[in-house]
PDB file of N, CA and C in Angstrom:
ATOM      1  N   MET A   1       0.306  -0.520   4.138  1.00  0.00           N
ATOM      2  CA  MET A   1      -1.044  -0.865   4.553  1.00  0.00           C
ATOM      3  C   MET A   1      -0.963  -1.624   5.871  1.00  0.00           C
ATOM      4  N   GLN A   2      -1.716  -1.186   6.829  1.00  0.00           N
ATOM      5  CA  GLN A   2      -1.780  -1.896   8.097  1.00  0.00           C
ATOM      6  C   GLN A   2      -2.734  -3.071   7.951  1.00  0.00           C
ATOM      7  N   VAL A   3      -2.282  -4.232   8.376  1.00  0.00           N
ATOM      8  CA  VAL A   3      -3.111  -5.433   8.285  1.00  0.00           C
ATOM      9  C   VAL A   3      -3.820  -5.624   9.613  1.00  0.00           C
ATOM     10  N   TRP A   4      -5.089  -5.935   9.534  1.00  0.00           N
ATOM     11  CA  TRP A   4      -5.917  -6.072  10.727  1.00  0.00           C
ATOM     12  C   TRP A   4      -6.412  -7.499  10.862  1.00  0.00           C
ATOM     13  N   ASN A   5      -6.368  -8.032  12.037  1.00  0.00           N
ATOM     14  CA  ASN A   5      -6.983  -9.298  12.402  1.00  0.00           C
ATOM     15  C   ASN A   5      -6.573 -10.474  11.525  1.00  0.00           C
ATOM     16  N   PRO A   6      -5.305 -10.862  11.522  1.00  0.00           N
ATOM     17  CA  PRO A   6      -4.924 -12.033  10.749  1.00  0.00           C
ATOM     18  C   PRO A   6      -5.438 -13.298  11.414  1.00  0.00           C
ATOM     19  N   ALA A   7      -5.902 -14.232  10.610  1.00  0.00           N
ATOM     20  CA  ALA A   7      -6.326 -15.542  11.117  1.00  0.00           C
ATOM     21  C   ALA A   7      -5.261 -16.537  10.683  1.00  0.00           C
ATOM     22  N   TYR A   8      -4.426 -16.994  11.601  1.00  0.00           N
ATOM     23  CA  TYR A   8      -3.347 -17.904  11.245  1.00  0.00           C
ATOM     24  C   TYR A   8      -3.833 -19.346  11.343  1.00  0.00           C
ATOM     25  N   LEU A   9      -3.609 -20.088  10.274  1.00  0.00           N
ATOM     26  CA  LEU A   9      -4.010 -21.488  10.231  1.00  0.00           C
ATOM     27  C   LEU A   9      -2.782 -22.346  10.452  1.00  0.00           C
ATOM     28  N   GLY A  10      -2.691 -22.984  11.532  1.00  0.00           N
ATOM     29  CA  GLY A  10      -1.545 -23.830  11.831  1.00  0.00           C
ATOM     30  C   GLY A  10      -1.524 -24.099  13.317  1.00  0.00           C
ATOM     31  N   GLY A  11      -0.506 -24.796  13.761  1.00  0.00           N
ATOM     32  CA  GLY A  11      -0.379 -25.048  15.190  1.00  0.00           C
ATOM     33  C   GLY A  11      -1.536 -25.853  15.740  1.00  0.00           C
ATOM     34  N   ASN A  12      -2.246 -25.300  16.702  1.00  0.00           N
ATOM     35  CA  ASN A  12      -3.291 -26.030  17.414  1.00  0.00           C
ATOM     36  C   ASN A  12      -4.655 -26.001  16.740  1.00  0.00           C
ATOM     37  N   THR A  13      -4.776 -25.394  15.577  1.00  0.00           N
ATOM     38  CA  THR A  13      -6.085 -25.286  14.949  1.00  0.00           C
ATOM     39  C   THR A  13      -6.470 -26.530  14.167  1.00  0.00           C
ATOM     40  N   GLY A  14      -5.527 -27.426  13.945  1.00  0.00           N
ATOM     41  CA  GLY A  14      -5.824 -28.612  13.163  1.00  0.00           C
ATOM     42  C   GLY A  14      -5.491 -28.447  11.692  1.00  0.00           C
ATOM     43  N   TYR A  15      -5.054 -27.270  11.295  1.00  0.00           N
ATOM     44  CA  TYR A  15      -4.655 -27.028   9.909  1.00  0.00           C
ATOM     45  C   TYR A  15      -3.136 -27.077   9.837  1.00  0.00           C
ATOM     46  N   SER A  16      -2.608 -27.859   8.909  1.00  0.00           N
ATOM     47  CA  SER A  16      -1.159 -28.008   8.822  1.00  0.00           C
ATOM     48  C   SER A  16      -0.551 -27.197   7.692  1.00  0.00           C
ATOM     49  N   ARG A  17      -1.354 -26.489   6.936  1.00  0.00           N
ATOM     50  CA  ARG A  17      -0.827 -25.777   5.773  1.00  0.00           C
ATOM     51  C   ARG A  17      -0.073 -24.509   6.153  1.00  0.00           C
ATOM     52  N   GLY A  18      -0.300 -23.959   7.322  1.00  0.00           N
ATOM     53  CA  GLY A  18       0.392 -22.751   7.743  1.00  0.00           C
ATOM     54  C   GLY A  18       0.118 -21.561   6.839  1.00  0.00           C
ATOM     55  N   VAL A  19      -1.138 -21.311   6.529  1.00  0.00           N
ATOM     56  CA  VAL A  19      -1.532 -20.206   5.660  1.00  0.00           C
ATOM     57  C   VAL A  19      -2.067 -19.076   6.525  1.00  0.00           C
ATOM     58  N   ALA A  20      -1.631 -17.857   6.241  1.00  0.00           N
ATOM     59  CA  ALA A  20      -2.176 -16.689   6.937  1.00  0.00           C
ATOM     60  C   ALA A  20      -3.189 -16.018   6.028  1.00  0.00           C
ATOM     61  N   ILE A  21      -4.339 -15.686   6.581  1.00  0.00           N
ATOM     62  CA  ILE A  21      -5.354 -14.927   5.860  1.00  0.00           C
ATOM     63  C   ILE A  21      -5.395 -13.550   6.505  1.00  0.00           C
ATOM     64  N   ASP A  22      -5.006 -12.539   5.745  1.00  0.00           N
ATOM     65  CA  ASP A  22      -4.946 -11.175   6.269  1.00  0.00           C
ATOM     66  C   ASP A  22      -5.878 -10.268   5.478  1.00  0.00           C
ATOM     67  N   TRP A  23      -6.366  -9.226   6.160  1.00  0.00           N
ATOM     68  CA  TRP A  23      -7.157  -8.224   5.455  1.00  0.00           C
ATOM     69  C   TRP A  23      -7.036  -6.892   6.179  1.00  0.00           C
ATOM     70  N   HIS A  24      -7.206  -5.841   5.422  1.00  0.00           N
ATOM     71  CA  HIS A  24      -7.194  -4.481   5.942  1.00  0.00           C
ATOM     72  C   HIS A  24      -8.565  -4.213   6.570  1.00  0.00           C
ATOM     73  N   TYR A  25      -8.626  -3.384   7.579  1.00  0.00           N
ATOM     74  CA  TYR A  25      -9.895  -3.132   8.265  1.00  0.00           C
ATOM     75  C   TYR A  25     -10.978  -2.631   7.307  1.00  0.00           C
ATOM     76  N   ARG A  26     -10.587  -1.925   6.236  1.00  0.00           N
ATOM     77  CA  ARG A  26     -11.578  -1.415   5.272  1.00  0.00           C
ATOM     78  C   ARG A  26     -12.251  -2.549   4.513  1.00  0.00           C
ATOM     79  N   PHE A  27     -11.561  -3.685   4.360  1.00  0.00           N
ATOM     80  CA  PHE A  27     -12.156  -4.827   3.674  1.00  0.00           C
ATOM     81  C   PHE A  27     -13.394  -5.299   4.434  1.00  0.00           C
ATOM     82  N   ALA A  28     -13.277  -5.447   5.740  1.00  0.00           N
ATOM     83  CA  ALA A  28     -14.417  -5.881   6.551  1.00  0.00           C
ATOM     84  C   ALA A  28     -15.544  -4.855   6.477  1.00  0.00           C
ATOM     85  N   TYR A  29     -15.193  -3.573   6.485  1.00  0.00           N
ATOM     86  CA  TYR A  29     -16.203  -2.519   6.383  1.00  0.00           C
ATOM     87  C   TYR A  29     -16.938  -2.603   5.048  1.00  0.00           C
ATOM     88  N   LEU A  30     -16.187  -2.728   3.948  1.00  0.00           N
ATOM     89  CA  LEU A  30     -16.808  -2.796   2.619  1.00  0.00           C
ATOM     90  C   LEU A  30     -17.707  -4.015   2.483  1.00  0.00           C
ATOM     91  N   LEU A  31     -17.278  -5.147   3.043  1.00  0.00           N
ATOM     92  CA  LEU A  31     -18.146  -6.328   3.017  1.00  0.00           C
ATOM     93  C   LEU A  31     -19.431  -6.054   3.785  1.00  0.00           C
ATOM     94  N   GLY A  32     -19.309  -5.418   4.947  1.00  0.00           N
ATOM     95  CA  GLY A  32     -20.487  -5.105   5.746  1.00  0.00           C
ATOM     96  C   GLY A  32     -21.466  -4.220   5.004  1.00  0.00           C
ATOM     97  N   VAL A  33     -20.947  -3.222   4.284  1.00  0.00           N
ATOM     98  CA  VAL A  33     -21.807  -2.348   3.478  1.00  0.00           C
ATOM     99  C   VAL A  33     -22.538  -3.162   2.418  1.00  0.00           C
ATOM    100  N   ALA A  34     -21.863  -4.186   1.880  1.00  0.00           N
ATOM    101  CA  ALA A  34     -22.465  -5.040   0.852  1.00  0.00           C
ATOM    102  C   ALA A  34     -23.362  -6.123   1.454  1.00  0.00           C
ATOM    103  N   GLY A  35     -23.476  -6.146   2.795  1.00  0.00           N
ATOM    104  CA  GLY A  35     -24.333  -7.128   3.442  1.00  0.00           C
ATOM    105  C   GLY A  35     -23.705  -8.497   3.607  1.00  0.00           C
ATOM    106  N   VAL A  36     -22.374  -8.560   3.556  1.00  0.00           N
ATOM    107  CA  VAL A  36     -21.653  -9.825   3.683  1.00  0.00           C
ATOM    108  C   VAL A  36     -20.882  -9.805   4.997  1.00  0.00           C
ATOM    109  N   ASP A  37     -20.990 -10.873   5.783  1.00  0.00           N
ATOM    110  CA  ASP A  37     -20.325 -10.981   7.077  1.00  0.00           C
ATOM    111  C   ASP A  37     -18.896 -11.487   6.881  1.00  0.00           C
ATOM    112  N   ILE A  38     -17.898 -10.748   7.360  1.00  0.00           N
ATOM    113  CA  ILE A  38     -16.495 -11.139   7.213  1.00  0.00           C
ATOM    114  C   ILE A  38     -16.242 -12.505   7.831  1.00  0.00           C
ATOM    115  N   ASP A  39     -16.895 -12.815   8.949  1.00  0.00           N
ATOM    116  CA  ASP A  39     -16.701 -14.117   9.585  1.00  0.00           C
ATOM    117  C   ASP A  39     -17.165 -15.250   8.680  1.00  0.00           C
ATOM    118  N   ASP A  40     -18.264 -15.038   7.948  1.00  0.00           N
ATOM    119  CA  ASP A  40     -18.737 -16.053   7.002  1.00  0.00           C
ATOM    120  C   ASP A  40     -17.726 -16.274   5.886  1.00  0.00           C
ATOM    121  N   VAL A  41     -17.102 -15.201   5.416  1.00  0.00           N
ATOM    122  CA  VAL A  41     -16.097 -15.315   4.352  1.00  0.00           C
ATOM    123  C   VAL A  41     -14.880 -16.085   4.855  1.00  0.00           C
ATOM    124  N   VAL A  42     -14.376 -15.724   6.031  1.00  0.00           N
ATOM    125  CA  VAL A  42     -13.202 -16.401   6.575  1.00  0.00           C
ATOM    126  C   VAL A  42     -13.514 -17.867   6.845  1.00  0.00           C
ATOM    127  N   ASP A  43     -14.693 -18.174   7.396  1.00  0.00           N
ATOM    128  CA  ASP A  43     -15.069 -19.576   7.622  1.00  0.00           C
ATOM    129  C   ASP A  43     -15.101 -20.356   6.313  1.00  0.00           C
ATOM    130  N   ALA A  44     -15.614 -19.735   5.251  1.00  0.00           N
ATOM    131  CA  ALA A  44     -15.654 -20.406   3.948  1.00  0.00           C
ATOM    132  C   ALA A  44     -14.247 -20.644   3.417  1.00  0.00           C
ATOM    133  N   LEU A  45     -13.354 -19.672   3.593  1.00  0.00           N
ATOM    134  CA  LEU A  45     -11.970 -19.853   3.154  1.00  0.00           C
ATOM    135  C   LEU A  45     -11.278 -20.951   3.953  1.00  0.00           C
ATOM    136  N   LEU A  46     -11.550 -21.027   5.244  1.00  0.00           N
ATOM    137  CA  LEU A  46     -10.989 -22.106   6.059  1.00  0.00           C
ATOM    138  C   LEU A  46     -11.475 -23.461   5.561  1.00  0.00           C
ATOM    139  N   ASP A  47     -12.764 -23.550   5.230  1.00  0.00           N
ATOM    140  CA  ASP A  47     -13.311 -24.794   4.685  1.00  0.00           C
ATOM    141  C   ASP A  47     -12.639 -25.146   3.366  1.00  0.00           C
ATOM    142  N   TRP A  48     -12.390 -24.133   2.520  1.00  0.00           N
ATOM    143  CA  TRP A  48     -11.719 -24.366   1.238  1.00  0.00           C
ATOM    144  C   TRP A  48     -10.302 -24.891   1.460  1.00  0.00           C
ATOM    145  N   LEU A  49      -9.565 -24.247   2.359  1.00  0.00           N
ATOM    146  CA  LEU A  49      -8.195 -24.673   2.633  1.00  0.00           C
ATOM    147  C   LEU A  49      -8.138 -26.072   3.228  1.00  0.00           C
ATOM    148  N   ALA A  50      -9.192 -26.465   3.936  1.00  0.00           N
ATOM    149  CA  ALA A  50      -9.261 -27.803   4.525  1.00  0.00           C
ATOM    150  C   ALA A  50      -9.793 -28.838   3.535  1.00  0.00           C
ATOM    151  N   GLY A  51     -10.118 -28.401   2.309  1.00  0.00           N
ATOM    152  CA  GLY A  51     -10.624 -29.324   1.298  1.00  0.00           C
ATOM    153  C   GLY A  51     -12.086 -29.677   1.463  1.00  0.00           C
ATOM    154  N   GLN A  52     -12.836 -28.876   2.206  1.00  0.00           N
ATOM    155  CA  GLN A  52     -14.234 -29.171   2.481  1.00  0.00           C
ATOM    156  C   GLN A  52     -15.196 -28.352   1.634  1.00  0.00           C
ATOM    157  N   GLN A  53     -14.681 -27.436   0.824  1.00  0.00           N
ATOM    158  CA  GLN A  53     -15.538 -26.593  -0.012  1.00  0.00           C
ATOM    159  C   GLN A  53     -14.791 -26.236  -1.282  1.00  0.00           C
ATOM    160  N   ARG A  54     -15.545 -26.128  -2.376  1.00  0.00           N
ATOM    161  CA  ARG A  54     -14.946 -25.697  -3.634  1.00  0.00           C
ATOM    162  C   ARG A  54     -15.030 -24.180  -3.745  1.00  0.00           C
ATOM    163  N   VAL A  55     -13.998 -23.604  -4.336  1.00  0.00           N
ATOM    164  CA  VAL A  55     -13.958 -22.176  -4.641  1.00  0.00           C
ATOM    165  C   VAL A  55     -13.552 -22.054  -6.096  1.00  0.00           C
ATOM    166  N   TRP A  56     -14.248 -21.218  -6.844  1.00  0.00           N
ATOM    167  CA  TRP A  56     -13.930 -21.026  -8.255  1.00  0.00           C
ATOM    168  C   TRP A  56     -12.959 -19.865  -8.367  1.00  0.00           C
ATOM    169  N   LEU A  57     -11.703 -20.165  -8.685  1.00  0.00           N
ATOM    170  CA  LEU A  57     -10.673 -19.149  -8.840  1.00  0.00           C
ATOM    171  C   LEU A  57     -10.729 -18.593 -10.252  1.00  0.00           C
ATOM    172  N   ARG A  58     -10.840 -17.297 -10.364  1.00  0.00           N
ATOM    173  CA  ARG A  58     -10.971 -16.612 -11.650  1.00  0.00           C
ATOM    174  C   ARG A  58      -9.737 -15.733 -11.874  1.00  0.00           C
ATOM    175  N   SER A  59      -9.037 -15.954 -12.976  1.00  0.00           N
ATOM    176  CA  SER A  59      -7.829 -15.197 -13.284  1.00  0.00           C
ATOM    177  C   SER A  59      -8.158 -13.738 -13.587  1.00  0.00           C
ATOM    178  N   THR A  60      -7.247 -12.850 -13.186  1.00  0.00           N
ATOM    179  CA  THR A  60      -7.411 -11.423 -13.475  1.00  0.00           C
ATOM    180  C   THR A  60      -6.271 -10.885 -14.328  1.00  0.00           C
ATOM    181  N   ASP A  61      -5.395 -11.756 -14.827  1.00  0.00           N
ATOM    182  CA  ASP A  61      -4.217 -11.356 -15.602  1.00  0.00           C
ATOM    183  C   ASP A  61      -3.305 -10.419 -14.811  1.00  0.00           C
ATOM    184  N   SER A  62      -3.270 -10.590 -13.511  1.00  0.00           N
ATOM    185  CA  SER A  62      -2.378  -9.806 -12.662  1.00  0.00           C
ATOM    186  C   SER A  62      -1.993 -10.675 -11.473  1.00  0.00           C
ATOM    187  N   GLN A  63      -1.447 -10.071 -10.448  1.00  0.00           N
ATOM    188  CA  GLN A  63      -1.050 -10.830  -9.258  1.00  0.00           C
ATOM    189  C   GLN A  63      -2.242 -11.140  -8.346  1.00  0.00           C
ATOM    190  N   TYR A  64      -3.430 -10.752  -8.771  1.00  0.00           N
ATOM    191  CA  TYR A  64      -4.631 -10.970  -7.969  1.00  0.00           C
ATOM    192  C   TYR A  64      -5.485 -12.073  -8.574  1.00  0.00           C
ATOM    193  N   VAL A  65      -6.345 -12.638  -7.750  1.00  0.00           N
ATOM    194  CA  VAL A  65      -7.278 -13.659  -8.194  1.00  0.00           C
ATOM    195  C   VAL A  65      -8.653 -13.308  -7.632  1.00  0.00           C
ATOM    196  N   VAL A  66      -9.685 -13.600  -8.390  1.00  0.00           N
ATOM    197  CA  VAL A  66     -11.056 -13.432  -7.908  1.00  0.00           C
ATOM    198  C   VAL A  66     -11.573 -14.813  -7.544  1.00  0.00           C
ATOM    199  N   MET A  67     -12.145 -14.925  -6.352  1.00  0.00           N
ATOM    200  CA  MET A  67     -12.686 -16.198  -5.888  1.00  0.00           C
ATOM    201  C   MET A  67     -14.196 -16.073  -5.779  1.00  0.00           C
ATOM    202  N   TRP A  68     -14.905 -16.935  -6.488  1.00  0.00           N
ATOM    203  CA  TRP A  68     -16.356 -17.017  -6.351  1.00  0.00           C
ATOM    204  C   TRP A  68     -16.636 -18.197  -5.447  1.00  0.00           C
ATOM    205  N   MET A  69     -17.441 -17.976  -4.426  1.00  0.00           N
ATOM    206  CA  MET A  69     -17.707 -19.044  -3.459  1.00  0.00           C
ATOM    207  C   MET A  69     -18.970 -18.730  -2.686  1.00  0.00           C
ATOM    208  N   ARG A  70     -19.363 -19.687  -1.872  1.00  0.00           N
ATOM    209  CA  ARG A  70     -20.459 -19.473  -0.925  1.00  0.00           C
ATOM    210  C   ARG A  70     -19.855 -19.300   0.458  1.00  0.00           C
ATOM    211  N   THR A  71     -20.397 -18.366   1.205  1.00  0.00           N
ATOM    212  CA  THR A  71     -19.937 -18.172   2.575  1.00  0.00           C
ATOM    213  C   THR A  71     -20.398 -19.350   3.422  1.00  0.00           C
ATOM    214  N   ALA A  72     -19.959 -19.370   4.664  1.00  0.00           N
ATOM    215  CA  ALA A  72     -20.344 -20.441   5.573  1.00  0.00           C
ATOM    216  C   ALA A  72     -21.861 -20.509   5.749  1.00  0.00           C
ATOM    217  N   SER A  73     -22.543 -19.372   5.585  1.00  0.00           N
ATOM    218  CA  SER A  73     -24.004 -19.368   5.711  1.00  0.00           C
ATOM    219  C   SER A  73     -24.705 -19.600   4.374  1.00  0.00           C
ATOM    220  N   GLY A  74     -23.916 -19.801   3.291  1.00  0.00           N
ATOM    221  CA  GLY A  74     -24.501 -20.138   1.995  1.00  0.00           C
ATOM    222  C   GLY A  74     -24.692 -18.990   1.025  1.00  0.00           C
ATOM    223  N   SER A  75     -24.305 -17.785   1.401  1.00  0.00           N
ATOM    224  CA  SER A  75     -24.461 -16.635   0.505  1.00  0.00           C
ATOM    225  C   SER A  75     -23.361 -16.639  -0.556  1.00  0.00           C
ATOM    226  N   PRO A  76     -23.718 -16.424  -1.838  1.00  0.00           N
ATOM    227  CA  PRO A  76     -22.697 -16.375  -2.883  1.00  0.00           C
ATOM    228  C   PRO A  76     -21.971 -15.027  -2.862  1.00  0.00           C
ATOM    229  N   VAL A  77     -20.634 -15.068  -2.864  1.00  0.00           N
ATOM    230  CA  VAL A  77     -19.827 -13.850  -2.837  1.00  0.00           C
ATOM    231  C   VAL A  77     -18.671 -13.968  -3.822  1.00  0.00           C
ATOM    232  N   GLU A  78     -18.111 -12.805  -4.177  1.00  0.00           N
ATOM    233  CA  GLU A  78     -16.862 -12.781  -4.932  1.00  0.00           C
ATOM    234  C   GLU A  78     -15.855 -11.973  -4.128  1.00  0.00           C
ATOM    235  N   ILE A  79     -14.651 -12.514  -4.021  1.00  0.00           N
ATOM    236  CA  ILE A  79     -13.597 -11.919  -3.217  1.00  0.00           C
ATOM    237  C   ILE A  79     -12.378 -11.701  -4.107  1.00  0.00           C
ATOM    238  N   LEU A  80     -11.808 -10.507  -4.051  1.00  0.00           N
ATOM    239  CA  LEU A  80     -10.555 -10.215  -4.735  1.00  0.00           C
ATOM    240  C   LEU A  80      -9.436 -10.417  -3.727  1.00  0.00           C
ATOM    241  N   ALA A  81      -8.452 -11.233  -4.081  1.00  0.00           N
ATOM    242  CA  ALA A  81      -7.367 -11.538  -3.155  1.00  0.00           C
ATOM    243  C   ALA A  81      -6.044 -11.600  -3.901  1.00  0.00           C
ATOM    244  N   ARG A  82      -4.985 -11.418  -3.142  1.00  0.00           N
ATOM    245  CA  ARG A  82      -3.635 -11.597  -3.674  1.00  0.00           C
ATOM    246  C   ARG A  82      -3.023 -12.769  -2.935  1.00  0.00           C
ATOM    247  N   ILE A  83      -2.506 -13.724  -3.696  1.00  0.00           N
ATOM    248  CA  ILE A  83      -1.849 -14.880  -3.110  1.00  0.00           C
ATOM    249  C   ILE A  83      -0.351 -14.625  -3.195  1.00  0.00           C
ATOM    250  N   ALA A  84       0.302 -14.594  -2.046  1.00  0.00           N
ATOM    251  CA  ALA A  84       1.742 -14.344  -1.977  1.00  0.00           C
ATOM    252  C   ALA A  84       2.384 -15.466  -1.176  1.00  0.00           C
ATOM    253  N   GLY A  85       2.997 -16.391  -1.873  1.00  0.00           N
ATOM    254  CA  GLY A  85       3.582 -17.539  -1.194  1.00  0.00           C
ATOM    255  C   GLY A  85       2.494 -18.345  -0.526  1.00  0.00           C
ATOM    256  N   SER A  86       2.591 -18.480   0.785  1.00  0.00           N
ATOM    257  CA  SER A  86       1.565 -19.233   1.511  1.00  0.00           C
ATOM    258  C   SER A  86       0.555 -18.321   2.198  1.00  0.00           C
ATOM    259  N   ASP A  87       0.546 -17.045   1.829  1.00  0.00           N
ATOM    260  CA  ASP A  87      -0.381 -16.097   2.445  1.00  0.00           C
ATOM    261  C   ASP A  87      -1.450 -15.653   1.463  1.00  0.00           C
ATOM    262  N   LEU A  88      -2.610 -15.355   1.983  1.00  0.00           N
ATOM    263  CA  LEU A  88      -3.749 -14.900   1.200  1.00  0.00           C
ATOM    264  C   LEU A  88      -4.176 -13.544   1.752  1.00  0.00           C
ATOM    265  N   TYR A  89      -4.100 -12.494   0.925  1.00  0.00           N
ATOM    266  CA  TYR A  89      -4.469 -11.141   1.337  1.00  0.00           C
ATOM    267  C   TYR A  89      -5.804 -10.772   0.697  1.00  0.00           C
ATOM    268  N   LEU A  90      -6.829 -10.617   1.507  1.00  0.00           N
ATOM    269  CA  LEU A  90      -8.158 -10.271   1.017  1.00  0.00           C
ATOM    270  C   LEU A  90      -8.212  -8.771   0.778  1.00  0.00           C
ATOM    271  N   VAL A  91      -8.648  -8.372  -0.420  1.00  0.00           N
ATOM    272  CA  VAL A  91      -8.594  -6.971  -0.813  1.00  0.00           C
ATOM    273  C   VAL A  91      -9.980  -6.354  -0.933  1.00  0.00           C
ATOM    274  N   ALA A  92     -10.904  -7.048  -1.578  1.00  0.00           N
ATOM    275  CA  ALA A  92     -12.248  -6.507  -1.793  1.00  0.00           C
ATOM    276  C   ALA A  92     -13.226  -7.663  -1.920  1.00  0.00           C
ATOM    277  N   GLY A  93     -14.497  -7.359  -1.762  1.00  0.00           N
ATOM    278  CA  GLY A  93     -15.504  -8.400  -1.898  1.00  0.00           C
ATOM    279  C   GLY A  93     -16.900  -7.824  -1.945  1.00  0.00           C
ATOM    280  N   ARG A  94     -17.796  -8.623  -2.493  1.00  0.00           N
ATOM    281  CA  ARG A  94     -19.205  -8.226  -2.549  1.00  0.00           C
ATOM    282  C   ARG A  94     -20.039  -9.469  -2.831  1.00  0.00           C
ATOM    283  N   ALA A  95     -21.340  -9.307  -2.684  1.00  0.00           N
ATOM    284  CA  ALA A  95     -22.257 -10.406  -2.988  1.00  0.00           C
ATOM    285  C   ALA A  95     -22.263 -10.648  -4.495  1.00  0.00           C
ATOM    286  N   LEU A  96     -22.340 -11.904  -4.892  1.00  0.00           N
ATOM    287  CA  LEU A  96     -22.469 -12.238  -6.312  1.00  0.00           C
ATOM    288  C   LEU A  96     -23.905 -11.993  -6.739  1.00  0.00           C
ATOM    289  N   SER A  97     -24.082 -11.423  -7.929  1.00  0.00           N
ATOM    290  CA  SER A  97     -25.436 -11.177  -8.427  1.00  0.00           C
ATOM    291  C   SER A  97     -25.433 -11.166  -9.947  1.00  0.00           C
ATOM    292  N   GLY A  98     -26.614 -11.145 -10.516  1.00  0.00           N
ATOM    293  CA  GLY A  98     -26.779 -11.015 -11.960  1.00  0.00           C
ATOM    294  C   GLY A  98     -26.165 -12.152 -12.749  1.00  0.00           C
ATOM    295  N   ASP A  99     -25.535 -11.800 -13.874  1.00  0.00           N
ATOM    296  CA  ASP A  99     -24.938 -12.796 -14.759  1.00  0.00           C
ATOM    297  C   ASP A  99     -23.835 -13.590 -14.076  1.00  0.00           C
ATOM    298  N   ARG A 100     -23.053 -12.942 -13.210  1.00  0.00           N
ATOM    299  CA  ARG A 100     -21.980 -13.660 -12.507  1.00  0.00           C
ATOM    300  C   ARG A 100     -22.564 -14.723 -11.583  1.00  0.00           C
ATOM    301  N   LEU A 101     -23.655 -14.413 -10.908  1.00  0.00           N
ATOM    302  CA  LEU A 101     -24.299 -15.398 -10.050  1.00  0.00           C
ATOM    303  C   LEU A 101     -24.824 -16.565 -10.878  1.00  0.00           C
ATOM    304  N   ASN A 102     -25.444 -16.270 -12.018  1.00  0.00           N
ATOM    305  CA  ASN A 102     -25.944 -17.343 -12.888  1.00  0.00           C
ATOM    306  C   ASN A 102     -24.808 -18.242 -13.356  1.00  0.00           C
ATOM    307  N   GLU A 103     -23.691 -17.643 -13.764  1.00  0.00           N
ATOM    308  CA  GLU A 103     -22.535 -18.414 -14.219  1.00  0.00           C
ATOM    309  C   GLU A 103     -21.973 -19.267 -13.087  1.00  0.00           C
ATOM    310  N   PHE A 104     -21.905 -18.709 -11.871  1.00  0.00           N
ATOM    311  CA  PHE A 104     -21.406 -19.441 -10.709  1.00  0.00           C
ATOM    312  C   PHE A 104     -22.307 -20.631 -10.385  1.00  0.00           C
ATOM    313  N   GLU A 105     -23.616 -20.422 -10.403  1.00  0.00           N
ATOM    314  CA  GLU A 105     -24.542 -21.517 -10.096  1.00  0.00           C
ATOM    315  C   GLU A 105     -24.444 -22.633 -11.126  1.00  0.00           C
ATOM    316  N   LYS A 106     -24.212 -22.290 -12.389  1.00  0.00           N
ATOM    317  CA  LYS A 106     -23.985 -23.325 -13.407  1.00  0.00           C
ATOM    318  C   LYS A 106     -22.705 -24.093 -13.102  1.00  0.00           C
ATOM    319  N   TRP A 107     -21.651 -23.369 -12.698  1.00  0.00           N
ATOM    320  CA  TRP A 107     -20.386 -24.013 -12.352  1.00  0.00           C
ATOM    321  C   TRP A 107     -20.563 -24.952 -11.158  1.00  0.00           C
ATOM    322  N   GLU A 108     -21.374 -24.539 -10.179  1.00  0.00           N
ATOM    323  CA  GLU A 108     -21.597 -25.380  -8.994  1.00  0.00           C
ATOM    324  C   GLU A 108     -22.187 -26.737  -9.368  1.00  0.00           C
ATOM    325  N   ASP A 109     -22.943 -26.775 -10.455  1.00  0.00           N
ATOM    326  CA  ASP A 109     -23.572 -28.021 -10.889  1.00  0.00           C
ATOM    327  C   ASP A 109     -22.627 -28.913 -11.685  1.00  0.00           C
ATOM    328  N   THR A 110     -21.380 -28.477 -11.897  1.00  0.00           N
ATOM    329  CA  THR A 110     -20.405 -29.272 -12.645  1.00  0.00           C
ATOM    330  C   THR A 110     -19.394 -29.892 -11.690  1.00  0.00           C
ATOM    331  N   ASP A 111     -18.505 -30.701 -12.259  1.00  0.00           N
ATOM    332  CA  ASP A 111     -17.426 -31.313 -11.478  1.00  0.00           C
ATOM    333  C   ASP A 111     -16.091 -30.610 -11.693  1.00  0.00           C
ATOM    334  N   GLU A 112     -16.100 -29.442 -12.315  1.00  0.00           N
ATOM    335  CA  GLU A 112     -14.844 -28.720 -12.583  1.00  0.00           C
ATOM    336  C   GLU A 112     -14.144 -28.338 -11.310  1.00  0.00           C
TER     337      GLU A 112
END
């Protein structure tokens, strides 16, 4: 799989964790079809890595994790990602809706 547009966190960006966020070009396309801006997702992940935003990590019983979060503009989304060492590979995503959105909003009101 060819990786497109990695956003490296480290060096002069003010982030010391040295985490790479990578995604395939189709990921950005699929988000766009779902009405979600890839830049909003990446900004939200940067905020999470900096400790400025909570993300609800949901186990998938595999090497992947589902993250429920709000984008930088406040839209609720779910992202499927694979965490490999210090790298995060974004695989799929869409807007949160229905029962999952209700469950996420309840979680947002807790301290979990």
